[in-house]
Amino acid sequence: MSGTSRHDREMVMQAKKNLNSCTDPIEKLRLQCLARGSAGIKGLGRIFRIMDDDNNRTLDFKEFSKGLNDFGLMIEKQEAQEIFAIFDKDGSGTIDFDEFLVTLRPPMSKARKEVIIQAFRKLDKSGDGIVTIEDLQGVYNAKYHPKYKNGEWTEDQVFRSFLDNFDSPYDKDGKVTKEEFLNYYSGVSASIDSDAYFVLMMTSAWKL
């Protein structure tokens, strides 16, 4: 997956550059997340999940702005209110954060989404919608990893490090949901112009 880190660097640079001229509040928020790499949008999702104490998957404005703040995103209060109002379609004073994260994801073509879901299904051997270390055994070969080769890491440590790519840096639980996988790859996708190249990259990385 070494290609991913190169795309990550390109995307971070591009996002930072675009931020200078961006005026749309949602696009600004998206670029700030992408400027943190492929895991940026997913990381914000994790913060919202931690803040959602009653597990109703909605946030009021106070929780929303605290989440943005805790994640270190520089958004003026007025912009945060504008963004919140866009998502609070029914005027209830709360927003559905899954819907929010889906909108925040850089747009992807159907072909890209399909190949990402295909890769996720291949990884999710048990079919329960969550990828764990157990799922990776037999799908992801740890023996080629340089740290496994030189005896520094065990196979489990390699798997854990691999899952950490998709996990939020603030709350690693060793499990990756389909949404997190999509959030991660929407970041990678943002740095690749061609659908054909993205599909080829996914197909060879995951041997689909």
N, C-alpha and C. Protein backbone atom coordinates (compact mmCIF):
# COMPACT_ATOMS: atom_id res chain seq x y z
N MET A 1 0.83 -1.21 0.00
CA MET A 1 0.00 0.00 0.00
C MET A 1 0.87 1.26 0.00
N SER A 2 2.14 1.13 -0.41
CA SER A 2 3.04 2.28 -0.31
C SER A 2 2.60 3.43 -1.22
N GLY A 3 1.92 3.07 -2.31
CA GLY A 3 1.42 4.11 -3.21
C GLY A 3 0.48 5.07 -2.49
N THR A 4 -0.25 4.50 -1.53
CA THR A 4 -1.23 5.32 -0.81
C THR A 4 -0.56 6.48 -0.09
N SER A 5 0.61 6.24 0.52
CA SER A 5 1.24 7.32 1.28
C SER A 5 1.70 8.44 0.35
N ARG A 6 2.09 8.07 -0.88
CA ARG A 6 2.48 9.11 -1.84
C ARG A 6 1.25 9.95 -2.21
N HIS A 7 0.14 9.25 -2.48
CA HIS A 7 -1.10 9.97 -2.82
C HIS A 7 -1.53 10.84 -1.65
N ASP A 8 -1.33 10.32 -0.46
CA ASP A 8 -1.69 11.07 0.74
C ASP A 8 -0.95 12.41 0.79
N ARG A 9 0.35 12.35 0.54
CA ARG A 9 1.18 13.58 0.58
C ARG A 9 0.70 14.57 -0.48
N GLU A 10 0.43 14.05 -1.69
CA GLU A 10 -0.04 14.91 -2.79
C GLU A 10 -1.37 15.56 -2.42
N MET A 11 -2.25 14.75 -1.83
CA MET A 11 -3.57 15.26 -1.48
C MET A 11 -3.49 16.33 -0.40
N VAL A 12 -2.64 16.11 0.61
CA VAL A 12 -2.46 17.07 1.70
C VAL A 12 -1.97 18.41 1.13
N MET A 13 -0.98 18.34 0.23
CA MET A 13 -0.44 19.57 -0.36
C MET A 13 -1.51 20.31 -1.17
N GLN A 14 -2.25 19.53 -1.97
CA GLN A 14 -3.31 20.11 -2.82
C GLN A 14 -4.39 20.76 -1.95
N ALA A 15 -4.79 20.05 -0.88
CA ALA A 15 -5.85 20.56 0.00
C ALA A 15 -5.42 21.86 0.66
N LYS A 16 -4.17 21.90 1.12
CA LYS A 16 -3.66 23.12 1.78
C LYS A 16 -3.64 24.29 0.79
N LYS A 17 -3.26 23.97 -0.45
CA LYS A 17 -3.19 25.01 -1.48
C LYS A 17 -4.59 25.56 -1.78
N ASN A 18 -5.55 24.63 -1.95
CA ASN A 18 -6.91 25.03 -2.29
C ASN A 18 -7.59 25.81 -1.16
N LEU A 19 -7.15 25.55 0.07
CA LEU A 19 -7.75 26.23 1.23
C LEU A 19 -7.61 27.75 1.13
N ASN A 20 -6.49 28.20 0.55
CA ASN A 20 -6.22 29.65 0.47
C ASN A 20 -7.30 30.41 -0.29
N SER A 21 -7.88 29.75 -1.31
CA SER A 21 -8.85 30.48 -2.15
C SER A 21 -10.29 30.02 -1.92
N CYS A 22 -10.50 29.12 -0.95
CA CYS A 22 -11.83 28.54 -0.76
C CYS A 22 -12.74 29.45 0.08
N THR A 23 -13.99 29.64 -0.40
CA THR A 23 -14.93 30.48 0.36
C THR A 23 -16.14 29.68 0.86
N ASP A 24 -16.45 28.57 0.19
CA ASP A 24 -17.60 27.76 0.59
C ASP A 24 -17.32 27.07 1.94
N PRO A 25 -18.18 27.27 2.97
CA PRO A 25 -17.87 26.73 4.29
C PRO A 25 -17.74 25.20 4.33
N ILE A 26 -18.58 24.48 3.58
CA ILE A 26 -18.49 23.01 3.61
C ILE A 26 -17.20 22.55 2.92
N GLU A 27 -16.89 23.18 1.78
CA GLU A 27 -15.67 22.82 1.06
C GLU A 27 -14.44 23.13 1.93
N LYS A 28 -14.50 24.24 2.67
CA LYS A 28 -13.39 24.63 3.55
C LYS A 28 -13.16 23.56 4.63
N LEU A 29 -14.28 23.09 5.19
CA LEU A 29 -14.21 22.04 6.22
C LEU A 29 -13.66 20.76 5.61
N ARG A 30 -14.13 20.41 4.40
CA ARG A 30 -13.66 19.21 3.72
C ARG A 30 -12.14 19.30 3.48
N LEU A 31 -11.69 20.46 2.99
CA LEU A 31 -10.26 20.64 2.70
C LEU A 31 -9.42 20.58 3.97
N GLN A 32 -9.95 21.12 5.07
CA GLN A 32 -9.20 21.05 6.33
C GLN A 32 -9.04 19.61 6.79
N CYS A 33 -10.10 18.81 6.56
CA CYS A 33 -10.00 17.37 6.91
C CYS A 33 -8.98 16.68 6.00
N LEU A 34 -9.06 16.97 4.68
CA LEU A 34 -8.15 16.33 3.72
C LEU A 34 -6.71 16.76 3.95
N ALA A 35 -6.53 17.97 4.48
CA ALA A 35 -5.17 18.45 4.75
C ALA A 35 -4.53 17.63 5.87
N ARG A 36 -5.33 16.78 6.53
CA ARG A 36 -4.77 15.89 7.56
C ARG A 36 -4.52 14.49 7.02
N GLY A 37 -4.69 14.34 5.71
CA GLY A 37 -4.45 13.02 5.13
C GLY A 37 -5.75 12.25 4.96
N SER A 38 -5.62 11.05 4.41
CA SER A 38 -6.80 10.24 4.07
C SER A 38 -7.68 9.96 5.28
N ALA A 39 -7.08 9.93 6.46
CA ALA A 39 -7.85 9.56 7.65
C ALA A 39 -8.56 10.76 8.29
N GLY A 40 -8.44 11.95 7.67
CA GLY A 40 -8.99 13.16 8.28
C GLY A 40 -10.49 13.13 8.52
N ILE A 41 -11.25 12.77 7.48
CA ILE A 41 -12.72 12.77 7.60
C ILE A 41 -13.14 11.69 8.58
N LYS A 42 -12.45 10.56 8.51
CA LYS A 42 -12.77 9.46 9.42
C LYS A 42 -12.50 9.84 10.87
N GLY A 43 -11.41 10.59 11.07
CA GLY A 43 -11.05 11.03 12.42
C GLY A 43 -12.12 11.93 13.02
N LEU A 44 -12.67 12.80 12.18
CA LEU A 44 -13.73 13.70 12.64
C LEU A 44 -14.96 12.87 13.01
N GLY A 45 -15.24 11.84 12.21
CA GLY A 45 -16.36 10.94 12.50
C GLY A 45 -16.21 10.28 13.86
N ARG A 46 -14.99 9.85 14.17
CA ARG A 46 -14.73 9.22 15.46
C ARG A 46 -14.99 10.18 16.63
N ILE A 47 -14.54 11.43 16.45
CA ILE A 47 -14.74 12.44 17.50
C ILE A 47 -16.23 12.64 17.75
N PHE A 48 -17.01 12.72 16.66
CA PHE A 48 -18.46 12.89 16.81
C PHE A 48 -19.06 11.69 17.54
N ARG A 49 -18.55 10.50 17.20
CA ARG A 49 -19.10 9.30 17.83
C ARG A 49 -18.84 9.30 19.33
N ILE A 50 -17.65 9.78 19.72
CA ILE A 50 -17.31 9.83 21.15
C ILE A 50 -18.23 10.83 21.86
N MET A 51 -18.57 11.92 21.16
CA MET A 51 -19.38 12.97 21.78
C MET A 51 -20.85 12.60 21.86
N ASP A 52 -21.25 11.62 21.05
CA ASP A 52 -22.66 11.24 20.99
C ASP A 52 -23.00 10.35 22.19
N ASP A 53 -23.12 10.97 23.35
CA ASP A 53 -23.27 10.20 24.60
C ASP A 53 -24.49 9.28 24.61
N ASP A 54 -25.61 9.77 24.04
CA ASP A 54 -26.82 8.95 24.12
C ASP A 54 -26.98 8.02 22.92
N ASN A 55 -25.92 7.93 22.09
CA ASN A 55 -25.93 7.01 20.93
C ASN A 55 -27.10 7.19 19.98
N ASN A 56 -27.62 8.43 19.85
CA ASN A 56 -28.73 8.60 18.91
C ASN A 56 -28.23 9.08 17.54
N ARG A 57 -26.90 9.12 17.39
CA ARG A 57 -26.24 9.47 16.12
C ARG A 57 -26.64 10.85 15.61
N THR A 58 -27.02 11.74 16.54
CA THR A 58 -27.28 13.13 16.15
C THR A 58 -26.48 14.04 17.08
N LEU A 59 -26.25 15.26 16.62
CA LEU A 59 -25.50 16.24 17.41
C LEU A 59 -26.26 17.56 17.40
N ASP A 60 -26.25 18.23 18.55
CA ASP A 60 -26.78 19.60 18.53
C ASP A 60 -25.62 20.55 18.20
N PHE A 61 -25.91 21.83 18.07
CA PHE A 61 -24.87 22.76 17.62
C PHE A 61 -23.68 22.81 18.57
N LYS A 62 -23.98 22.75 19.88
CA LYS A 62 -22.90 22.83 20.88
C LYS A 62 -21.93 21.65 20.70
N GLU A 63 -22.49 20.45 20.56
CA GLU A 63 -21.66 19.25 20.37
C GLU A 63 -20.89 19.33 19.05
N PHE A 64 -21.60 19.81 18.02
CA PHE A 64 -21.00 19.93 16.69
C PHE A 64 -19.78 20.86 16.73
N SER A 65 -19.96 22.06 17.32
CA SER A 65 -18.84 23.01 17.31
C SER A 65 -17.73 22.53 18.24
N LYS A 66 -18.08 21.83 19.32
CA LYS A 66 -17.04 21.29 20.22
C LYS A 66 -16.24 20.21 19.49
N GLY A 67 -16.96 19.39 18.69
CA GLY A 67 -16.28 18.33 17.93
C GLY A 67 -15.28 18.91 16.94
N LEU A 68 -15.69 19.96 16.22
CA LEU A 68 -14.79 20.62 15.26
C LEU A 68 -13.57 21.17 15.98
N ASN A 69 -13.84 21.77 17.15
CA ASN A 69 -12.79 22.37 17.95
C ASN A 69 -11.82 21.32 18.48
N ASP A 70 -12.37 20.23 19.04
CA ASP A 70 -11.53 19.15 19.59
C ASP A 70 -10.65 18.54 18.52
N PHE A 71 -11.16 18.53 17.29
CA PHE A 71 -10.38 17.95 16.18
C PHE A 71 -9.36 18.96 15.64
N GLY A 72 -9.44 20.18 16.16
CA GLY A 72 -8.45 21.20 15.79
C GLY A 72 -8.73 21.87 14.46
N LEU A 73 -10.01 21.89 14.04
CA LEU A 73 -10.35 22.54 12.77
C LEU A 73 -10.63 24.02 13.00
N MET A 74 -10.06 24.83 12.15
CA MET A 74 -10.22 26.29 12.32
C MET A 74 -11.46 26.77 11.55
N ILE A 75 -12.57 26.80 12.24
CA ILE A 75 -13.81 27.24 11.60
C ILE A 75 -14.41 28.35 12.48
N GLU A 76 -14.69 29.50 11.86
CA GLU A 76 -15.33 30.60 12.60
C GLU A 76 -16.72 30.14 13.06
N LYS A 77 -17.16 30.72 14.19
CA LYS A 77 -18.47 30.33 14.74
C LYS A 77 -19.58 30.53 13.71
N GLN A 78 -19.50 31.66 12.98
CA GLN A 78 -20.54 31.96 11.99
C GLN A 78 -20.56 30.90 10.87
N GLU A 79 -19.34 30.46 10.45
CA GLU A 79 -19.26 29.42 9.41
C GLU A 79 -19.81 28.10 9.94
N ALA A 80 -19.46 27.80 11.19
CA ALA A 80 -19.97 26.56 11.80
C ALA A 80 -21.49 26.59 11.84
N GLN A 81 -22.06 27.77 12.14
CA GLN A 81 -23.53 27.90 12.18
C GLN A 81 -24.13 27.71 10.78
N GLU A 82 -23.44 28.26 9.77
CA GLU A 82 -23.91 28.10 8.38
C GLU A 82 -23.92 26.63 7.98
N ILE A 83 -22.81 25.94 8.31
CA ILE A 83 -22.70 24.51 7.95
C ILE A 83 -23.79 23.73 8.67
N PHE A 84 -23.95 24.02 9.97
CA PHE A 84 -24.94 23.30 10.76
C PHE A 84 -26.34 23.49 10.17
N ALA A 85 -26.64 24.74 9.78
CA ALA A 85 -27.97 25.06 9.23
C ALA A 85 -28.24 24.28 7.93
N ILE A 86 -27.19 24.09 7.11
CA ILE A 86 -27.34 23.35 5.85
C ILE A 86 -27.78 21.91 6.14
N PHE A 87 -27.23 21.33 7.22
CA PHE A 87 -27.55 19.93 7.52
C PHE A 87 -28.79 19.77 8.38
N ASP A 88 -29.14 20.83 9.10
CA ASP A 88 -30.34 20.75 9.94
C ASP A 88 -31.55 21.11 9.07
N LYS A 89 -31.84 20.22 8.12
CA LYS A 89 -32.85 20.53 7.10
C LYS A 89 -34.25 20.75 7.69
N ASP A 90 -34.56 19.97 8.74
CA ASP A 90 -35.92 20.09 9.28
C ASP A 90 -36.00 21.12 10.41
N GLY A 91 -34.88 21.81 10.67
CA GLY A 91 -34.88 22.87 11.69
C GLY A 91 -35.08 22.36 13.11
N SER A 92 -34.70 21.08 13.34
CA SER A 92 -34.93 20.48 14.66
C SER A 92 -33.86 20.89 15.68
N GLY A 93 -32.78 21.54 15.19
CA GLY A 93 -31.70 21.90 16.12
C GLY A 93 -30.68 20.79 16.30
N THR A 94 -30.85 19.68 15.55
CA THR A 94 -29.85 18.60 15.59
C THR A 94 -29.54 18.15 14.16
N ILE A 95 -28.36 17.56 13.98
CA ILE A 95 -28.03 17.01 12.66
C ILE A 95 -27.63 15.54 12.81
N ASP A 96 -27.88 14.79 11.76
CA ASP A 96 -27.49 13.38 11.70
C ASP A 96 -26.03 13.34 11.26
N PHE A 97 -25.13 12.85 12.14
CA PHE A 97 -23.73 12.99 11.76
C PHE A 97 -23.25 12.01 10.71
N ASP A 98 -23.99 10.92 10.49
CA ASP A 98 -23.62 10.02 9.39
C ASP A 98 -23.85 10.72 8.05
N GLU A 99 -25.00 11.40 7.98
CA GLU A 99 -25.36 12.13 6.77
C GLU A 99 -24.33 13.25 6.53
N PHE A 100 -23.93 13.88 7.62
CA PHE A 100 -22.95 14.96 7.55
C PHE A 100 -21.62 14.45 6.97
N LEU A 101 -21.16 13.30 7.48
CA LEU A 101 -19.87 12.77 7.03
C LEU A 101 -19.92 12.31 5.58
N VAL A 102 -21.07 11.76 5.17
CA VAL A 102 -21.22 11.32 3.78
C VAL A 102 -21.12 12.53 2.84
N THR A 103 -21.72 13.65 3.24
CA THR A 103 -21.66 14.87 2.43
C THR A 103 -20.26 15.46 2.44
N LEU A 104 -19.57 15.29 3.55
CA LEU A 104 -18.22 15.85 3.67
C LEU A 104 -17.21 15.10 2.81
N ARG A 105 -17.49 13.82 2.58
CA ARG A 105 -16.60 13.02 1.72
C ARG A 105 -16.46 13.66 0.35
N PRO A 106 -15.24 13.69 -0.21
CA PRO A 106 -15.12 14.17 -1.59
C PRO A 106 -15.97 13.28 -2.49
N PRO A 107 -16.68 13.88 -3.46
CA PRO A 107 -17.56 13.08 -4.33
C PRO A 107 -16.77 11.98 -5.06
N MET A 108 -17.39 10.81 -5.18
CA MET A 108 -16.73 9.69 -5.89
C MET A 108 -17.68 9.12 -6.92
N SER A 109 -17.11 8.66 -8.03
CA SER A 109 -17.95 8.04 -9.05
C SER A 109 -18.42 6.66 -8.57
N LYS A 110 -19.44 6.14 -9.27
CA LYS A 110 -20.00 4.83 -8.92
C LYS A 110 -18.91 3.75 -9.02
N ALA A 111 -18.06 3.86 -10.06
CA ALA A 111 -17.01 2.85 -10.27
C ALA A 111 -16.05 2.82 -9.07
N ARG A 112 -15.72 3.98 -8.55
CA ARG A 112 -14.80 4.04 -7.41
C ARG A 112 -15.44 3.45 -6.15
N LYS A 113 -16.71 3.84 -5.92
CA LYS A 113 -17.39 3.31 -4.73
C LYS A 113 -17.47 1.79 -4.80
N GLU A 114 -17.79 1.28 -6.00
CA GLU A 114 -17.97 -0.17 -6.15
C GLU A 114 -16.69 -0.92 -5.84
N VAL A 115 -15.55 -0.41 -6.33
CA VAL A 115 -14.29 -1.13 -6.11
C VAL A 115 -13.87 -1.05 -4.63
N ILE A 116 -14.21 0.05 -3.96
CA ILE A 116 -13.90 0.17 -2.52
C ILE A 116 -14.73 -0.84 -1.72
N ILE A 117 -16.03 -0.94 -2.07
CA ILE A 117 -16.91 -1.89 -1.38
C ILE A 117 -16.43 -3.33 -1.64
N GLN A 118 -16.00 -3.58 -2.87
CA GLN A 118 -15.48 -4.91 -3.22
C GLN A 118 -14.28 -5.27 -2.34
N ALA A 119 -13.36 -4.31 -2.17
CA ALA A 119 -12.17 -4.54 -1.34
C ALA A 119 -12.60 -4.79 0.11
N PHE A 120 -13.58 -4.02 0.57
CA PHE A 120 -14.04 -4.19 1.96
C PHE A 120 -14.63 -5.59 2.15
N ARG A 121 -15.45 -6.00 1.17
CA ARG A 121 -16.09 -7.34 1.29
C ARG A 121 -15.04 -8.45 1.32
N LYS A 122 -13.98 -8.24 0.54
CA LYS A 122 -12.93 -9.26 0.51
C LYS A 122 -12.25 -9.35 1.89
N LEU A 123 -12.05 -8.19 2.51
CA LEU A 123 -11.41 -8.15 3.82
C LEU A 123 -12.32 -8.69 4.91
N ASP A 124 -13.61 -8.37 4.78
CA ASP A 124 -14.57 -8.74 5.82
C ASP A 124 -14.99 -10.20 5.65
N LYS A 125 -14.07 -11.10 6.01
CA LYS A 125 -14.30 -12.53 5.78
C LYS A 125 -15.55 -13.04 6.49
N SER A 126 -15.78 -12.52 7.71
CA SER A 126 -16.92 -13.04 8.49
C SER A 126 -18.24 -12.45 8.00
N GLY A 127 -18.17 -11.38 7.19
CA GLY A 127 -19.38 -10.79 6.62
C GLY A 127 -20.24 -10.04 7.62
N ASP A 128 -19.64 -9.62 8.75
CA ASP A 128 -20.45 -8.93 9.76
C ASP A 128 -20.38 -7.40 9.65
N GLY A 129 -19.71 -6.91 8.57
CA GLY A 129 -19.65 -5.46 8.37
C GLY A 129 -18.55 -4.75 9.14
N ILE A 130 -17.71 -5.55 9.83
CA ILE A 130 -16.57 -4.96 10.57
C ILE A 130 -15.33 -5.78 10.27
N VAL A 131 -14.23 -5.10 9.93
CA VAL A 131 -12.98 -5.82 9.67
C VAL A 131 -12.13 -5.79 10.93
N THR A 132 -11.69 -7.00 11.36
CA THR A 132 -10.85 -7.13 12.56
C THR A 132 -9.55 -7.84 12.18
N ILE A 133 -8.66 -7.99 13.15
CA ILE A 133 -7.40 -8.71 12.91
C ILE A 133 -7.68 -10.13 12.40
N GLU A 134 -8.73 -10.77 12.98
CA GLU A 134 -9.06 -12.14 12.56
C GLU A 134 -9.42 -12.19 11.07
N ASP A 135 -10.14 -11.16 10.62
CA ASP A 135 -10.53 -11.12 9.20
C ASP A 135 -9.31 -11.03 8.29
N LEU A 136 -8.27 -10.33 8.77
CA LEU A 136 -7.11 -10.09 7.91
C LEU A 136 -6.29 -11.35 7.68
N GLN A 137 -6.35 -12.29 8.64
CA GLN A 137 -5.54 -13.50 8.49
C GLN A 137 -5.96 -14.26 7.24
N GLY A 138 -4.98 -14.50 6.38
CA GLY A 138 -5.28 -15.23 5.15
C GLY A 138 -5.66 -14.33 3.98
N VAL A 139 -5.96 -13.04 4.27
CA VAL A 139 -6.29 -12.11 3.18
C VAL A 139 -5.11 -11.17 2.95
N TYR A 140 -4.54 -10.72 4.06
CA TYR A 140 -3.44 -9.76 3.97
C TYR A 140 -2.16 -10.48 4.41
N ASN A 141 -1.16 -10.51 3.54
CA ASN A 141 0.05 -11.25 3.86
C ASN A 141 1.04 -10.38 4.62
N ALA A 142 1.26 -10.74 5.89
CA ALA A 142 2.14 -9.94 6.75
C ALA A 142 3.61 -10.26 6.51
N LYS A 143 3.88 -11.40 5.86
CA LYS A 143 5.27 -11.88 5.80
C LYS A 143 6.19 -11.01 4.95
N TYR A 144 5.58 -10.17 4.09
CA TYR A 144 6.41 -9.29 3.25
C TYR A 144 6.72 -7.97 3.94
N HIS A 145 6.07 -7.72 5.08
CA HIS A 145 6.27 -6.45 5.76
C HIS A 145 7.71 -6.36 6.27
N PRO A 146 8.43 -5.25 5.98
CA PRO A 146 9.84 -5.16 6.39
C PRO A 146 10.07 -5.40 7.88
N LYS A 147 9.15 -4.95 8.73
CA LYS A 147 9.35 -5.13 10.18
C LYS A 147 9.10 -6.57 10.62
N TYR A 148 8.29 -7.30 9.83
CA TYR A 148 8.11 -8.73 10.12
C TYR A 148 9.35 -9.48 9.66
N LYS A 149 9.86 -9.10 8.49
CA LYS A 149 11.04 -9.76 7.93
C LYS A 149 12.25 -9.65 8.85
N ASN A 150 12.43 -8.45 9.47
CA ASN A 150 13.63 -8.32 10.30
C ASN A 150 13.38 -8.72 11.76
N GLY A 151 12.19 -9.32 12.00
CA GLY A 151 11.93 -9.87 13.33
C GLY A 151 11.50 -8.83 14.37
N GLU A 152 11.30 -7.60 13.93
CA GLU A 152 10.93 -6.54 14.88
C GLU A 152 9.47 -6.68 15.34
N TRP A 153 8.58 -7.10 14.39
CA TRP A 153 7.16 -7.21 14.71
C TRP A 153 6.66 -8.64 14.53
N THR A 154 5.62 -9.00 15.27
CA THR A 154 4.93 -10.27 15.03
C THR A 154 3.89 -10.03 13.93
N GLU A 155 3.30 -11.13 13.47
CA GLU A 155 2.27 -11.02 12.43
C GLU A 155 1.10 -10.16 12.93
N ASP A 156 0.71 -10.36 14.19
CA ASP A 156 -0.39 -9.57 14.77
C ASP A 156 -0.09 -8.07 14.80
N GLN A 157 1.18 -7.73 15.09
CA GLN A 157 1.56 -6.31 15.11
C GLN A 157 1.46 -5.69 13.72
N VAL A 158 1.81 -6.49 12.71
CA VAL A 158 1.70 -6.00 11.32
C VAL A 158 0.23 -5.75 10.99
N PHE A 159 -0.64 -6.72 11.37
CA PHE A 159 -2.08 -6.57 11.12
C PHE A 159 -2.63 -5.32 11.82
N ARG A 160 -2.18 -5.15 13.07
CA ARG A 160 -2.68 -4.03 13.87
C ARG A 160 -2.26 -2.70 13.23
N SER A 161 -1.02 -2.65 12.77
CA SER A 161 -0.51 -1.43 12.15
C SER A 161 -1.29 -1.14 10.85
N PHE A 162 -1.62 -2.22 10.13
CA PHE A 162 -2.39 -2.08 8.89
C PHE A 162 -3.78 -1.50 9.20
N LEU A 163 -4.45 -2.05 10.22
CA LEU A 163 -5.78 -1.56 10.58
C LEU A 163 -5.72 -0.11 11.07
N ASP A 164 -4.61 0.24 11.72
CA ASP A 164 -4.44 1.61 12.23
C ASP A 164 -4.48 2.65 11.12
N ASN A 165 -4.10 2.24 9.89
CA ASN A 165 -4.20 3.17 8.74
C ASN A 165 -5.62 3.69 8.59
N PHE A 166 -6.58 2.79 8.86
CA PHE A 166 -7.98 3.13 8.63
C PHE A 166 -8.64 3.65 9.89
N ASP A 167 -7.96 3.47 11.02
CA ASP A 167 -8.51 3.88 12.30
C ASP A 167 -8.18 5.33 12.58
N SER A 168 -8.97 5.95 13.43
CA SER A 168 -8.68 7.33 13.80
C SER A 168 -7.47 7.37 14.73
N PRO A 169 -6.56 8.34 14.55
CA PRO A 169 -5.39 8.39 15.43
C PRO A 169 -5.76 8.61 16.89
N TYR A 170 -7.00 9.08 17.15
CA TYR A 170 -7.36 9.41 18.53
C TYR A 170 -8.06 8.28 19.26
N ASP A 171 -8.51 7.29 18.51
CA ASP A 171 -9.34 6.28 19.16
C ASP A 171 -9.21 4.97 18.39
N LYS A 172 -8.07 4.32 18.53
CA LYS A 172 -7.84 3.10 17.77
C LYS A 172 -8.52 1.94 18.48
N ASP A 173 -9.46 1.29 17.79
CA ASP A 173 -10.12 0.14 18.43
C ASP A 173 -9.84 -1.15 17.68
N GLY A 174 -8.98 -1.08 16.64
CA GLY A 174 -8.63 -2.31 15.93
C GLY A 174 -9.76 -2.88 15.10
N LYS A 175 -10.81 -2.07 14.89
CA LYS A 175 -11.94 -2.51 14.07
C LYS A 175 -12.19 -1.44 13.02
N VAL A 176 -12.53 -1.88 11.81
CA VAL A 176 -12.81 -0.91 10.75
C VAL A 176 -14.18 -1.22 10.16
N THR A 177 -15.06 -0.22 10.17
CA THR A 177 -16.40 -0.40 9.60
C THR A 177 -16.35 -0.02 8.12
N LYS A 178 -17.42 -0.39 7.41
CA LYS A 178 -17.48 -0.07 5.98
C LYS A 178 -17.44 1.45 5.78
N GLU A 179 -18.12 2.19 6.67
CA GLU A 179 -18.14 3.66 6.58
C GLU A 179 -16.72 4.22 6.73
N GLU A 180 -15.97 3.68 7.70
CA GLU A 180 -14.60 4.17 7.92
C GLU A 180 -13.72 3.87 6.72
N PHE A 181 -13.93 2.69 6.15
CA PHE A 181 -13.16 2.28 4.97
C PHE A 181 -13.46 3.23 3.81
N LEU A 182 -14.75 3.54 3.62
CA LEU A 182 -15.16 4.49 2.57
C LEU A 182 -14.62 5.89 2.84
N ASN A 183 -14.70 6.31 4.11
CA ASN A 183 -14.19 7.65 4.46
C ASN A 183 -12.69 7.75 4.16
N TYR A 184 -11.97 6.67 4.49
CA TYR A 184 -10.52 6.66 4.25
C TYR A 184 -10.23 6.75 2.75
N TYR A 185 -10.88 5.86 1.98
CA TYR A 185 -10.58 5.81 0.54
C TYR A 185 -11.14 7.00 -0.24
N SER A 186 -12.14 7.69 0.33
CA SER A 186 -12.60 8.91 -0.35
C SER A 186 -11.50 9.95 -0.27
N GLY A 187 -10.71 9.90 0.80
CA GLY A 187 -9.55 10.78 0.92
C GLY A 187 -8.49 10.43 -0.11
N VAL A 188 -8.19 9.15 -0.23
CA VAL A 188 -7.20 8.70 -1.23
C VAL A 188 -7.69 9.08 -2.63
N SER A 189 -8.99 8.83 -2.86
CA SER A 189 -9.59 9.09 -4.17
C SER A 189 -9.46 10.56 -4.57
N ALA A 190 -9.52 11.44 -3.58
CA ALA A 190 -9.46 12.89 -3.87
C ALA A 190 -8.15 13.30 -4.53
N SER A 191 -7.11 12.46 -4.36
CA SER A 191 -5.81 12.83 -4.93
C SER A 191 -5.57 12.18 -6.30
N ILE A 192 -6.57 11.41 -6.79
CA ILE A 192 -6.38 10.69 -8.06
C ILE A 192 -7.45 11.14 -9.06
N ASP A 193 -7.00 11.72 -10.17
CA ASP A 193 -7.95 12.28 -11.13
C ASP A 193 -8.70 11.22 -11.93
N SER A 194 -7.97 10.19 -12.31
CA SER A 194 -8.55 9.22 -13.25
C SER A 194 -9.25 8.07 -12.54
N ASP A 195 -10.51 7.81 -12.93
CA ASP A 195 -11.25 6.66 -12.40
C ASP A 195 -10.51 5.36 -12.70
N ALA A 196 -10.04 5.25 -13.95
CA ALA A 196 -9.39 4.00 -14.39
C ALA A 196 -8.16 3.73 -13.52
N TYR A 197 -7.39 4.77 -13.23
CA TYR A 197 -6.18 4.59 -12.42
C TYR A 197 -6.55 4.20 -10.99
N PHE A 198 -7.59 4.83 -10.44
CA PHE A 198 -8.01 4.51 -9.07
C PHE A 198 -8.46 3.05 -8.98
N VAL A 199 -9.28 2.62 -9.96
CA VAL A 199 -9.78 1.24 -9.96
C VAL A 199 -8.61 0.26 -10.09
N LEU A 200 -7.66 0.59 -10.97
CA LEU A 200 -6.48 -0.26 -11.16
C LEU A 200 -5.66 -0.36 -9.86
N MET A 201 -5.49 0.78 -9.20
CA MET A 201 -4.72 0.80 -7.96
C MET A 201 -5.38 -0.09 -6.89
N MET A 202 -6.71 0.03 -6.76
CA MET A 202 -7.45 -0.77 -5.77
C MET A 202 -7.41 -2.26 -6.14
N THR A 203 -7.57 -2.53 -7.43
CA THR A 203 -7.60 -3.94 -7.87
C THR A 203 -6.28 -4.61 -7.60
N SER A 204 -5.17 -3.89 -7.87
CA SER A 204 -3.88 -4.56 -7.63
C SER A 204 -3.51 -4.57 -6.15
N ALA A 205 -3.88 -3.52 -5.41
CA ALA A 205 -3.55 -3.49 -3.98
C ALA A 205 -4.29 -4.61 -3.23
N TRP A 206 -5.52 -4.87 -3.64
CA TRP A 206 -6.34 -5.87 -2.92
C TRP A 206 -6.49 -7.17 -3.69
N LYS A 207 -5.79 -7.28 -4.81
CA LYS A 207 -5.88 -8.52 -5.64
C LYS A 207 -7.33 -8.90 -5.88
N LEU A 208 -8.10 -7.96 -6.40
CA LEU A 208 -9.53 -8.21 -6.63
C LEU A 208 -9.76 -8.92 -7.97
